[in-house]
Amino acid sequence: MRHRERHRTGRIAWLRAAVLGANDGIVSTGSLLLGVAAANATQGTLLATGVAGLVAGAMSMAAGEYVSVHSQADSEAAELEQERRELATDCHAEQRELAAIYVRRGLEPALATQVANQLMAHDALGAHARDELGISDAFSARPIQAALASAASFAVCAALPLLVTALSPRSYLIPVVAGTSLVFLAALGAWAARAGGAGMAVGAARVTFWGALAMAVTAGVGALWGTVG
């Protein structure tokens, strides 16, 4: 029977973008609603603010992820092009460089040379991309995927505190939005940790702590503004 292993490295690119978008959706929208509510805004104003924050945040996340990851992709492409030129001009020096990498990883020099020769005969650029530059298919930059994952997760998770705001009585809105947002964050942290193979309790606590801090500061600023105003 063939042994099959399941690794999580293939999820890293989209998982990072999705978790970042989801976390920001809950924290920024929940904090925004709490800050405006603490400034004594009406429920209609809160909903309009929340919808505007959702749309603006999702577009900002998409643009930010696309630009950031595309910059990484451009850097990777430039590195690969340089490596391609070096292989074309001095293949023997590149073979020695690859063998030296394997020696540093623990292979005997003779075996390292043999491995480098065989890998370069099979796919020279791929071998150098992976072992010299650290570029692989699992970790390569995908700007469109990152932008879509981040924007979609932001919009979905930003809708949660917004929905709570729409359904909650104005007199209980602040504690209800704060409490449910923290529950959402804890669930997100636990899920992200599980998807990444880490401890769920630690992941939930970490995300919840920083979310609570952000909401507390924003609510404090809103309350101060409402008092001054």
Protein backbone atom coordinates (compact mmCIF):
# COMPACT_ATOMS: atom_id res chain seq x y z
CA MET A 1 0.00 0.00 0.00
CA ARG A 2 1.37 3.38 -1.02
CA HIS A 3 2.22 5.73 1.84
CA ARG A 4 0.63 9.13 1.40
CA GLU A 5 1.48 12.17 3.46
CA ARG A 6 -0.61 15.29 3.74
CA HIS A 7 1.31 18.50 4.30
CA ARG A 8 -0.04 22.00 4.82
CA THR A 9 2.64 23.96 2.97
CA GLY A 10 0.46 24.23 -0.13
CA ARG A 11 -2.12 26.17 1.88
CA ILE A 12 0.25 28.81 3.21
CA ALA A 13 -0.13 31.42 0.45
CA TRP A 14 -3.92 31.62 0.37
CA LEU A 15 -4.34 30.82 4.07
CA ARG A 16 -2.21 33.78 5.12
CA ALA A 17 -4.19 36.16 2.90
CA ALA A 18 -7.55 34.73 3.98
CA VAL A 19 -6.76 34.85 7.70
CA LEU A 20 -5.37 38.37 7.39
CA GLY A 21 -8.51 39.54 5.59
CA ALA A 22 -10.88 37.78 7.99
CA ASN A 23 -9.11 39.08 11.07
CA ASP A 24 -9.01 42.61 9.72
CA GLY A 25 -12.67 42.38 8.71
CA ILE A 26 -13.79 41.55 12.23
CA VAL A 27 -11.37 43.80 14.08
CA SER A 28 -11.61 46.91 11.91
CA THR A 29 -15.37 46.77 11.39
CA GLY A 30 -16.12 45.83 14.98
CA SER A 31 -13.79 48.56 16.24
CA LEU A 32 -15.25 51.10 13.85
CA LEU A 33 -18.81 50.32 14.96
CA LEU A 34 -17.87 50.45 18.63
CA GLY A 35 -16.03 53.75 18.23
CA VAL A 36 -18.94 55.39 16.40
CA ALA A 37 -21.47 53.88 18.82
CA ALA A 38 -19.47 55.20 21.78
CA ALA A 39 -19.70 58.66 20.21
CA ASN A 40 -23.52 58.40 20.53
CA ALA A 41 -24.30 57.94 16.83
CA THR A 42 -27.71 56.70 15.75
CA GLN A 43 -28.21 53.14 14.59
CA GLY A 44 -28.77 54.35 11.03
CA THR A 45 -25.44 56.14 11.09
CA LEU A 46 -23.79 53.03 12.51
CA LEU A 47 -25.11 50.84 9.70
CA ALA A 48 -24.09 53.32 7.01
CA THR A 49 -20.63 53.56 8.58
CA GLY A 50 -20.33 49.80 8.80
CA VAL A 51 -21.33 49.23 5.15
CA ALA A 52 -18.91 51.90 3.99
CA GLY A 53 -16.17 50.34 6.11
CA LEU A 54 -16.90 46.89 4.69
CA VAL A 55 -16.69 48.01 1.06
CA ALA A 56 -13.68 50.25 1.57
CA GLY A 57 -11.89 47.62 3.65
CA ALA A 58 -12.46 44.81 1.15
CA MET A 59 -11.19 46.93 -1.74
CA SER A 60 -8.22 48.10 0.32
CA MET A 61 -7.32 44.53 1.28
CA ALA A 62 -7.56 43.38 -2.34
CA ALA A 63 -5.43 46.25 -3.62
CA GLY A 64 -2.90 45.93 -0.81
CA GLU A 65 -2.48 42.18 -1.19
CA TYR A 66 -2.23 42.41 -4.97
CA VAL A 67 0.42 45.12 -4.91
CA SER A 68 2.39 43.46 -2.11
CA VAL A 69 2.34 39.94 -3.55
CA HIS A 70 2.94 41.21 -7.09
CA SER A 71 6.08 42.94 -5.82
CA GLN A 72 7.20 39.59 -4.43
CA ALA A 73 6.40 37.93 -7.77
CA ASP A 74 8.43 40.57 -9.62
CA SER A 75 11.38 39.98 -7.29
CA GLU A 76 11.15 36.22 -7.82
CA ALA A 77 11.01 36.67 -11.60
CA ALA A 78 14.08 38.92 -11.52
CA GLU A 79 15.99 36.41 -9.39
CA LEU A 80 15.08 33.57 -11.76
CA GLU A 81 16.12 35.59 -14.79
CA GLN A 82 19.49 36.33 -13.21
CA GLU A 83 19.92 32.64 -12.36
CA ARG A 84 19.02 31.70 -15.93
CA ARG A 85 21.75 34.01 -17.27
CA GLU A 86 24.31 32.62 -14.84
CA LEU A 87 23.49 29.06 -15.87
CA ALA A 88 23.91 30.02 -19.52
CA THR A 89 27.26 31.75 -19.02
CA ASP A 90 28.97 29.57 -16.38
CA CYS A 91 27.15 26.30 -15.77
CA HIS A 92 30.12 24.67 -14.02
CA ALA A 93 30.35 27.42 -11.41
CA GLU A 94 26.63 27.07 -10.76
CA GLN A 95 27.05 23.31 -10.34
CA ARG A 96 29.80 23.87 -7.78
CA GLU A 97 27.62 26.40 -5.98
CA LEU A 98 24.73 23.93 -5.80
CA ALA A 99 27.04 21.15 -4.58
CA ALA A 100 28.37 23.47 -1.86
CA ILE A 101 24.80 24.04 -0.66
CA TYR A 102 24.29 20.30 -0.27
CA VAL A 103 27.60 19.94 1.57
CA ARG A 104 26.45 22.58 4.07
CA ARG A 105 23.28 20.54 4.53
CA GLY A 106 25.28 17.47 5.51
CA LEU A 107 26.17 15.51 2.35
CA GLU A 108 29.66 14.26 1.64
CA PRO A 109 31.38 16.36 -1.07
CA ALA A 110 31.43 13.53 -3.59
CA LEU A 111 27.76 12.73 -3.06
CA ALA A 112 26.84 16.44 -3.10
CA THR A 113 28.55 16.80 -6.48
CA GLN A 114 26.72 13.75 -7.82
CA VAL A 115 23.35 15.03 -6.58
CA ALA A 116 23.99 18.49 -8.03
CA ASN A 117 24.94 17.00 -11.41
CA GLN A 118 21.85 14.80 -11.58
CA LEU A 119 19.44 17.54 -10.49
CA MET A 120 20.90 20.04 -12.94
CA ALA A 121 20.69 17.50 -15.74
CA HIS A 122 17.01 17.07 -14.94
CA ASP A 123 16.07 20.73 -14.29
CA ALA A 124 18.95 23.11 -13.64
CA LEU A 125 16.87 26.25 -13.14
CA GLY A 126 14.37 24.44 -10.93
CA ALA A 127 17.15 23.02 -8.74
CA HIS A 128 18.73 26.45 -8.21
CA ALA A 129 15.38 28.15 -7.71
CA ARG A 130 14.45 25.69 -4.98
CA ASP A 131 17.77 25.13 -3.21
CA GLU A 132 19.64 28.39 -3.78
CA LEU A 133 16.86 30.97 -3.97
CA GLY A 134 14.20 29.25 -1.86
CA ILE A 135 11.53 29.59 -4.56
CA SER A 136 9.10 26.69 -4.97
CA ASP A 137 5.60 26.13 -6.31
CA ALA A 138 4.16 25.84 -2.81
CA PHE A 139 5.51 29.24 -1.73
CA SER A 140 5.51 31.14 -5.02
CA ALA A 141 3.68 34.46 -5.14
CA ARG A 142 0.16 34.45 -6.61
CA PRO A 143 -1.15 38.05 -6.58
CA ILE A 144 -4.67 37.37 -7.90
CA GLN A 145 -5.25 34.48 -5.48
CA ALA A 146 -4.03 36.55 -2.54
CA ALA A 147 -6.16 39.56 -3.49
CA LEU A 148 -9.34 37.53 -3.94
CA ALA A 149 -8.83 35.49 -0.76
CA SER A 150 -8.14 38.57 1.32
CA ALA A 151 -11.01 40.66 -0.06
CA ALA A 152 -13.57 37.86 0.16
CA SER A 153 -12.63 36.87 3.71
CA PHE A 154 -12.65 40.52 4.78
CA ALA A 155 -16.13 41.12 3.37
CA VAL A 156 -17.62 37.96 4.87
CA CYS A 157 -16.17 38.53 8.33
CA ALA A 158 -16.85 42.27 8.33
CA ALA A 159 -20.50 41.44 7.70
CA LEU A 160 -20.69 39.59 11.04
CA PRO A 161 -20.41 42.58 13.42
CA LEU A 162 -22.47 44.60 10.96
CA LEU A 163 -25.28 42.03 11.12
CA VAL A 164 -25.09 42.02 14.92
CA THR A 165 -25.39 45.81 14.87
CA ALA A 166 -28.48 45.65 12.68
CA LEU A 167 -30.18 43.14 15.00
CA SER A 168 -29.17 44.53 18.40
CA PRO A 169 -31.17 47.09 20.42
CA ARG A 170 -29.32 50.41 20.55
CA SER A 171 -29.13 50.34 24.35
CA TYR A 172 -27.20 47.03 24.38
CA LEU A 173 -25.30 47.50 21.14
CA ILE A 174 -21.81 48.16 22.52
CA PRO A 175 -21.52 45.10 24.81
CA VAL A 176 -23.25 42.84 22.26
CA VAL A 177 -21.05 43.90 19.34
CA ALA A 178 -17.91 43.71 21.48
CA GLY A 179 -18.78 40.29 22.91
CA THR A 180 -19.80 38.69 19.61
CA SER A 181 -16.78 40.14 17.81
CA LEU A 182 -14.48 38.54 20.38
CA VAL A 183 -16.28 35.22 19.91
CA PHE A 184 -15.85 35.52 16.15
CA LEU A 185 -12.15 36.30 16.59
CA ALA A 186 -11.63 33.34 18.92
CA ALA A 187 -13.30 31.04 16.40
CA LEU A 188 -11.18 32.47 13.59
CA GLY A 189 -7.97 32.06 15.57
CA ALA A 190 -8.81 28.46 16.44
CA TRP A 191 -9.71 27.61 12.83
CA ALA A 192 -6.58 29.26 11.41
CA ALA A 193 -4.39 27.44 13.92
CA ARG A 194 -6.01 24.12 13.09
CA ALA A 195 -5.66 24.70 9.35
CA GLY A 196 -2.00 25.50 9.86
CA GLY A 197 -1.38 22.58 12.20
CA ALA A 198 -0.77 24.71 15.32
CA GLY A 199 -2.40 24.73 18.75
CA MET A 200 -6.00 25.96 18.58
CA ALA A 201 -6.12 27.44 22.09
CA VAL A 202 -2.98 29.52 21.58
CA GLY A 203 -4.18 30.72 18.18
CA ALA A 204 -7.58 31.72 19.55
CA ALA A 205 -6.07 33.55 22.53
CA ARG A 206 -3.56 35.47 20.42
CA VAL A 207 -6.15 36.74 17.92
CA THR A 208 -8.69 37.55 20.65
CA PHE A 209 -6.22 39.52 22.74
CA TRP A 210 -5.15 41.85 19.94
CA GLY A 211 -8.70 42.23 18.71
CA ALA A 212 -9.91 43.17 22.20
CA LEU A 213 -7.11 45.71 22.53
CA ALA A 214 -7.96 47.31 19.18
CA MET A 215 -11.66 47.53 20.00
CA ALA A 216 -11.03 48.92 23.48
CA VAL A 217 -8.77 51.69 22.18
CA THR A 218 -11.19 52.61 19.38
CA ALA A 219 -14.20 52.63 21.71
CA GLY A 220 -12.25 54.83 24.13
CA VAL A 221 -11.45 57.33 21.40
CA GLY A 222 -15.10 57.33 20.29
CA ALA A 223 -16.33 57.90 23.83
CA LEU A 224 -13.88 60.77 24.29
CA TRP A 225 -15.00 62.33 21.02
CA GLY A 226 -18.65 62.00 22.02
CA THR A 227 -17.93 63.72 25.34
CA VAL A 228 -15.98 66.57 23.76
CA GLY A 229 -18.51 66.96 20.95
